[in-house]
N, C-alpha and C. Protein backbone atom coordinates (compact mmCIF):
# COMPACT_ATOMS: atom_id res chain seq x y z
N MET A 1 -2.63 0.37 28.79
CA MET A 1 -3.81 -0.30 29.31
C MET A 1 -4.91 0.73 29.57
N ASN A 2 -6.14 0.30 29.31
CA ASN A 2 -7.25 1.19 29.62
C ASN A 2 -7.72 0.95 31.06
N ASP A 3 -8.81 1.61 31.46
CA ASP A 3 -9.28 1.51 32.84
C ASP A 3 -9.84 0.12 33.20
N LYS A 4 -10.07 -0.74 32.20
CA LYS A 4 -10.57 -2.09 32.45
C LYS A 4 -9.46 -3.14 32.36
N GLY A 5 -8.20 -2.69 32.18
CA GLY A 5 -7.08 -3.61 32.14
C GLY A 5 -6.77 -4.20 30.78
N PHE A 6 -7.42 -3.70 29.73
CA PHE A 6 -7.17 -4.17 28.38
C PHE A 6 -6.23 -3.21 27.67
N PRO A 7 -5.56 -3.69 26.61
CA PRO A 7 -4.72 -2.77 25.83
C PRO A 7 -5.55 -1.58 25.38
N ALA A 8 -4.96 -0.41 25.30
CA ALA A 8 -5.68 0.82 24.99
C ALA A 8 -6.43 0.73 23.67
N LEU A 9 -5.94 -0.05 22.73
CA LEU A 9 -6.57 -0.16 21.42
C LEU A 9 -7.85 -0.97 21.47
N CYS A 10 -7.98 -1.87 22.43
CA CYS A 10 -9.12 -2.76 22.52
C CYS A 10 -10.42 -1.97 22.61
N SER A 11 -11.30 -2.18 21.64
CA SER A 11 -12.62 -1.52 21.57
C SER A 11 -12.54 -0.01 21.37
N ALA A 12 -11.39 0.52 20.96
CA ALA A 12 -11.22 1.96 20.79
C ALA A 12 -12.19 2.56 19.78
N ASN A 13 -12.59 1.79 18.77
CA ASN A 13 -13.47 2.31 17.72
C ASN A 13 -14.85 1.67 17.75
N LEU A 14 -15.21 1.11 18.88
CA LEU A 14 -16.48 0.39 19.01
C LEU A 14 -17.69 1.24 18.63
N HIS A 15 -17.65 2.52 18.93
CA HIS A 15 -18.80 3.39 18.66
C HIS A 15 -18.57 4.32 17.48
N ALA A 16 -17.49 4.12 16.75
CA ALA A 16 -17.21 4.95 15.57
C ALA A 16 -18.16 4.59 14.43
N ASP A 17 -18.40 5.54 13.55
CA ASP A 17 -19.23 5.29 12.38
C ASP A 17 -18.54 4.27 11.48
N PRO A 18 -19.32 3.43 10.79
CA PRO A 18 -18.71 2.47 9.87
C PRO A 18 -18.01 3.18 8.71
N ILE A 19 -16.96 2.54 8.20
CA ILE A 19 -16.26 3.08 7.04
C ILE A 19 -16.50 2.14 5.86
N HIS A 20 -16.44 2.68 4.66
CA HIS A 20 -16.60 1.88 3.45
C HIS A 20 -15.23 1.46 2.95
N VAL A 21 -15.07 0.17 2.65
CA VAL A 21 -13.81 -0.37 2.14
C VAL A 21 -14.12 -1.37 1.03
N LYS A 22 -13.08 -1.69 0.27
CA LYS A 22 -13.17 -2.77 -0.71
C LYS A 22 -12.30 -3.91 -0.19
N HIS A 23 -12.89 -5.07 -0.05
CA HIS A 23 -12.16 -6.23 0.46
C HIS A 23 -10.93 -6.52 -0.39
N ALA A 24 -11.05 -6.33 -1.70
CA ALA A 24 -9.93 -6.61 -2.61
C ALA A 24 -8.73 -5.70 -2.34
N ASP A 25 -8.95 -4.54 -1.71
CA ASP A 25 -7.87 -3.60 -1.44
C ASP A 25 -7.22 -3.80 -0.07
N LEU A 26 -7.78 -4.68 0.75
CA LEU A 26 -7.25 -4.91 2.09
C LEU A 26 -6.12 -5.93 2.06
N THR A 27 -5.24 -5.85 3.05
CA THR A 27 -4.14 -6.80 3.20
C THR A 27 -4.65 -8.02 3.96
N ARG A 28 -4.43 -9.21 3.42
CA ARG A 28 -4.86 -10.44 4.08
C ARG A 28 -4.06 -10.67 5.36
N SER A 29 -4.72 -11.22 6.36
CA SER A 29 -4.08 -11.48 7.65
C SER A 29 -3.04 -12.58 7.56
N SER A 30 -3.29 -13.56 6.69
CA SER A 30 -2.34 -14.66 6.52
C SER A 30 -2.55 -15.29 5.16
N ASP A 31 -1.63 -16.13 4.78
CA ASP A 31 -1.75 -16.86 3.52
C ASP A 31 -2.78 -17.97 3.61
N ASP A 32 -3.20 -18.31 4.82
CA ASP A 32 -4.13 -19.42 5.04
C ASP A 32 -5.60 -19.03 4.81
N SER A 33 -5.91 -17.76 4.77
CA SER A 33 -7.30 -17.33 4.64
C SER A 33 -7.44 -16.29 3.54
N ARG A 34 -8.36 -16.55 2.64
CA ARG A 34 -8.63 -15.60 1.57
C ARG A 34 -9.64 -14.54 2.01
N TYR A 35 -10.26 -14.71 3.16
CA TYR A 35 -11.26 -13.78 3.64
C TYR A 35 -10.75 -12.87 4.75
N ARG A 36 -10.00 -13.39 5.69
CA ARG A 36 -9.54 -12.58 6.83
C ARG A 36 -8.53 -11.54 6.39
N SER A 37 -8.79 -10.30 6.83
CA SER A 37 -7.93 -9.18 6.45
C SER A 37 -7.52 -8.38 7.67
N GLU A 38 -6.43 -7.63 7.52
CA GLU A 38 -6.01 -6.72 8.58
C GLU A 38 -6.96 -5.54 8.62
N CYS A 39 -7.23 -5.05 9.82
CA CYS A 39 -8.09 -3.88 9.99
C CYS A 39 -7.37 -2.67 9.40
N PRO A 40 -8.05 -1.92 8.51
CA PRO A 40 -7.41 -0.75 7.91
C PRO A 40 -7.29 0.43 8.87
N VAL A 41 -7.95 0.35 10.02
CA VAL A 41 -7.91 1.45 10.98
C VAL A 41 -6.82 1.24 12.03
N CYS A 42 -6.85 0.10 12.72
CA CYS A 42 -5.87 -0.11 13.79
C CYS A 42 -4.64 -0.88 13.31
N GLY A 43 -4.76 -1.67 12.25
CA GLY A 43 -3.64 -2.42 11.72
C GLY A 43 -3.27 -3.67 12.48
N ASP A 44 -3.78 -3.84 13.69
CA ASP A 44 -3.45 -5.01 14.50
C ASP A 44 -4.61 -5.99 14.59
N GLY A 45 -5.81 -5.54 14.33
CA GLY A 45 -6.98 -6.38 14.42
C GLY A 45 -7.28 -7.09 13.11
N THR A 46 -8.31 -7.91 13.14
CA THR A 46 -8.68 -8.71 11.97
C THR A 46 -10.14 -8.50 11.63
N LEU A 47 -10.40 -8.43 10.32
CA LEU A 47 -11.75 -8.45 9.79
C LEU A 47 -11.98 -9.86 9.25
N ARG A 48 -13.05 -10.50 9.66
CA ARG A 48 -13.26 -11.91 9.31
C ARG A 48 -14.24 -12.14 8.17
N VAL A 49 -15.01 -11.18 7.79
CA VAL A 49 -16.13 -11.26 6.85
C VAL A 49 -17.21 -12.14 7.47
N TYR A 50 -18.17 -11.48 8.09
CA TYR A 50 -19.26 -12.19 8.76
C TYR A 50 -20.16 -12.90 7.77
N ARG A 51 -20.80 -13.95 8.25
CA ARG A 51 -21.79 -14.69 7.48
C ARG A 51 -23.11 -14.70 8.25
N ASP A 52 -24.20 -14.77 7.51
CA ASP A 52 -25.51 -14.93 8.11
C ASP A 52 -25.53 -16.30 8.80
N PRO A 53 -25.94 -16.37 10.07
CA PRO A 53 -25.87 -17.64 10.80
C PRO A 53 -26.80 -18.72 10.25
N GLU A 54 -27.86 -18.34 9.56
CA GLU A 54 -28.79 -19.34 9.03
C GLU A 54 -28.47 -19.74 7.60
N THR A 55 -28.16 -18.74 6.74
CA THR A 55 -27.94 -19.03 5.32
C THR A 55 -26.47 -19.16 4.95
N LEU A 56 -25.58 -18.72 5.84
CA LEU A 56 -24.14 -18.67 5.62
C LEU A 56 -23.73 -17.72 4.49
N GLU A 57 -24.65 -16.85 4.08
CA GLU A 57 -24.34 -15.85 3.06
C GLU A 57 -23.38 -14.81 3.64
N LEU A 58 -22.40 -14.38 2.84
CA LEU A 58 -21.48 -13.34 3.28
C LEU A 58 -22.23 -12.03 3.49
N LEU A 59 -21.88 -11.30 4.55
CA LEU A 59 -22.55 -10.05 4.88
C LEU A 59 -21.64 -8.86 4.59
N ALA A 60 -22.25 -7.75 4.19
CA ALA A 60 -21.49 -6.54 3.85
C ALA A 60 -20.93 -5.86 5.09
N LEU A 61 -21.59 -5.98 6.23
CA LEU A 61 -21.15 -5.32 7.46
C LEU A 61 -20.23 -6.24 8.24
N ASP A 62 -19.10 -5.71 8.67
CA ASP A 62 -18.10 -6.49 9.41
C ASP A 62 -17.58 -5.62 10.55
N ARG A 63 -16.81 -6.20 11.45
CA ARG A 63 -16.25 -5.46 12.58
C ARG A 63 -14.88 -6.02 12.93
N CYS A 64 -13.94 -5.14 13.21
CA CYS A 64 -12.61 -5.55 13.65
C CYS A 64 -12.73 -6.24 15.01
N ILE A 65 -12.06 -7.38 15.14
CA ILE A 65 -12.16 -8.13 16.40
C ILE A 65 -11.32 -7.52 17.51
N LEU A 66 -10.48 -6.52 17.20
CA LEU A 66 -9.67 -5.87 18.23
C LEU A 66 -10.22 -4.49 18.58
N CYS A 67 -10.24 -3.59 17.62
CA CYS A 67 -10.62 -2.20 17.93
C CYS A 67 -12.13 -1.95 17.82
N GLY A 68 -12.86 -2.86 17.19
CA GLY A 68 -14.31 -2.72 17.10
C GLY A 68 -14.79 -1.87 15.93
N GLN A 69 -13.89 -1.39 15.08
CA GLN A 69 -14.29 -0.57 13.94
C GLN A 69 -15.19 -1.38 13.01
N ARG A 70 -16.35 -0.78 12.65
CA ARG A 70 -17.25 -1.41 11.69
C ARG A 70 -16.84 -0.99 10.29
N VAL A 71 -16.91 -1.94 9.36
CA VAL A 71 -16.64 -1.66 7.96
C VAL A 71 -17.79 -2.19 7.12
N ILE A 72 -17.99 -1.55 5.99
CA ILE A 72 -18.97 -1.99 5.00
C ILE A 72 -18.20 -2.31 3.73
N TYR A 73 -18.31 -3.55 3.27
CA TYR A 73 -17.61 -3.95 2.06
C TYR A 73 -18.39 -3.48 0.84
N ASP A 74 -17.80 -2.56 0.09
CA ASP A 74 -18.45 -2.06 -1.12
C ASP A 74 -18.41 -3.08 -2.25
N ASP A 75 -17.54 -4.08 -2.15
CA ASP A 75 -17.44 -5.10 -3.18
C ASP A 75 -17.97 -6.46 -2.70
N ILE A 76 -18.99 -6.44 -1.83
CA ILE A 76 -19.53 -7.67 -1.26
C ILE A 76 -20.06 -8.62 -2.35
N GLU A 77 -20.63 -8.07 -3.41
CA GLU A 77 -21.16 -8.94 -4.47
C GLU A 77 -20.02 -9.70 -5.15
N ASP A 78 -18.86 -9.06 -5.31
CA ASP A 78 -17.70 -9.76 -5.86
C ASP A 78 -17.27 -10.89 -4.93
N LEU A 79 -17.30 -10.63 -3.62
CA LEU A 79 -16.95 -11.67 -2.64
C LEU A 79 -17.90 -12.84 -2.74
N LYS A 80 -19.19 -12.55 -2.87
CA LYS A 80 -20.19 -13.62 -2.95
C LYS A 80 -20.00 -14.47 -4.20
N ARG A 81 -19.51 -13.86 -5.27
CA ARG A 81 -19.26 -14.60 -6.52
C ARG A 81 -17.91 -15.31 -6.49
N GLY A 82 -17.12 -15.08 -5.44
CA GLY A 82 -15.83 -15.73 -5.32
C GLY A 82 -14.70 -15.01 -6.01
N GLU A 83 -14.90 -13.73 -6.30
CA GLU A 83 -13.87 -12.95 -6.96
C GLU A 83 -13.05 -12.23 -5.91
N LEU A 84 -11.97 -12.88 -5.47
CA LEU A 84 -11.16 -12.37 -4.37
C LEU A 84 -9.75 -12.07 -4.82
N GLY A 85 -9.18 -11.02 -4.28
CA GLY A 85 -7.75 -10.76 -4.48
C GLY A 85 -6.95 -11.59 -3.51
N GLU A 86 -5.91 -12.22 -3.98
CA GLU A 86 -5.06 -13.04 -3.10
C GLU A 86 -4.24 -12.17 -2.16
N THR A 87 -3.79 -11.01 -2.65
CA THR A 87 -3.08 -10.06 -1.81
C THR A 87 -3.62 -8.68 -2.11
N LYS A 88 -3.20 -7.72 -1.37
CA LYS A 88 -3.73 -6.37 -1.46
C LYS A 88 -3.77 -5.86 -2.90
N GLY A 89 -4.97 -5.48 -3.34
CA GLY A 89 -5.16 -4.78 -4.58
C GLY A 89 -5.07 -5.59 -5.85
N GLU A 90 -4.83 -6.89 -5.79
CA GLU A 90 -4.67 -7.63 -7.04
C GLU A 90 -6.00 -7.93 -7.72
N GLY A 91 -7.08 -8.15 -6.96
CA GLY A 91 -8.37 -8.41 -7.55
C GLY A 91 -8.41 -9.67 -8.42
N ILE A 92 -7.69 -10.70 -8.05
CA ILE A 92 -7.61 -11.93 -8.82
C ILE A 92 -8.88 -12.73 -8.65
N LYS A 93 -9.44 -13.21 -9.75
CA LYS A 93 -10.60 -14.09 -9.66
C LYS A 93 -10.13 -15.49 -9.34
N THR A 94 -10.90 -16.17 -8.47
CA THR A 94 -10.52 -17.54 -8.11
C THR A 94 -11.63 -18.49 -8.47
């Protein structure tokens, strides 16, 4: 636990520099979501793939909901076209 009573991992990377990742190379959080992925830094958090609140367009910048690590999806254009890997590294078009 940290000094605020949360697990030590919570917000641990909130102020870290963003890292570049490819969504197609990430492990999906569950079989129910083609977008949600496990955080490549902490392994326990989730990346959701943010959307613009007005246009609902997928955004390249995302953040882990547990550790706060920011990521930049280098393959965001593939995501926007619907070219998603079903599991880590497959890069399957859907």
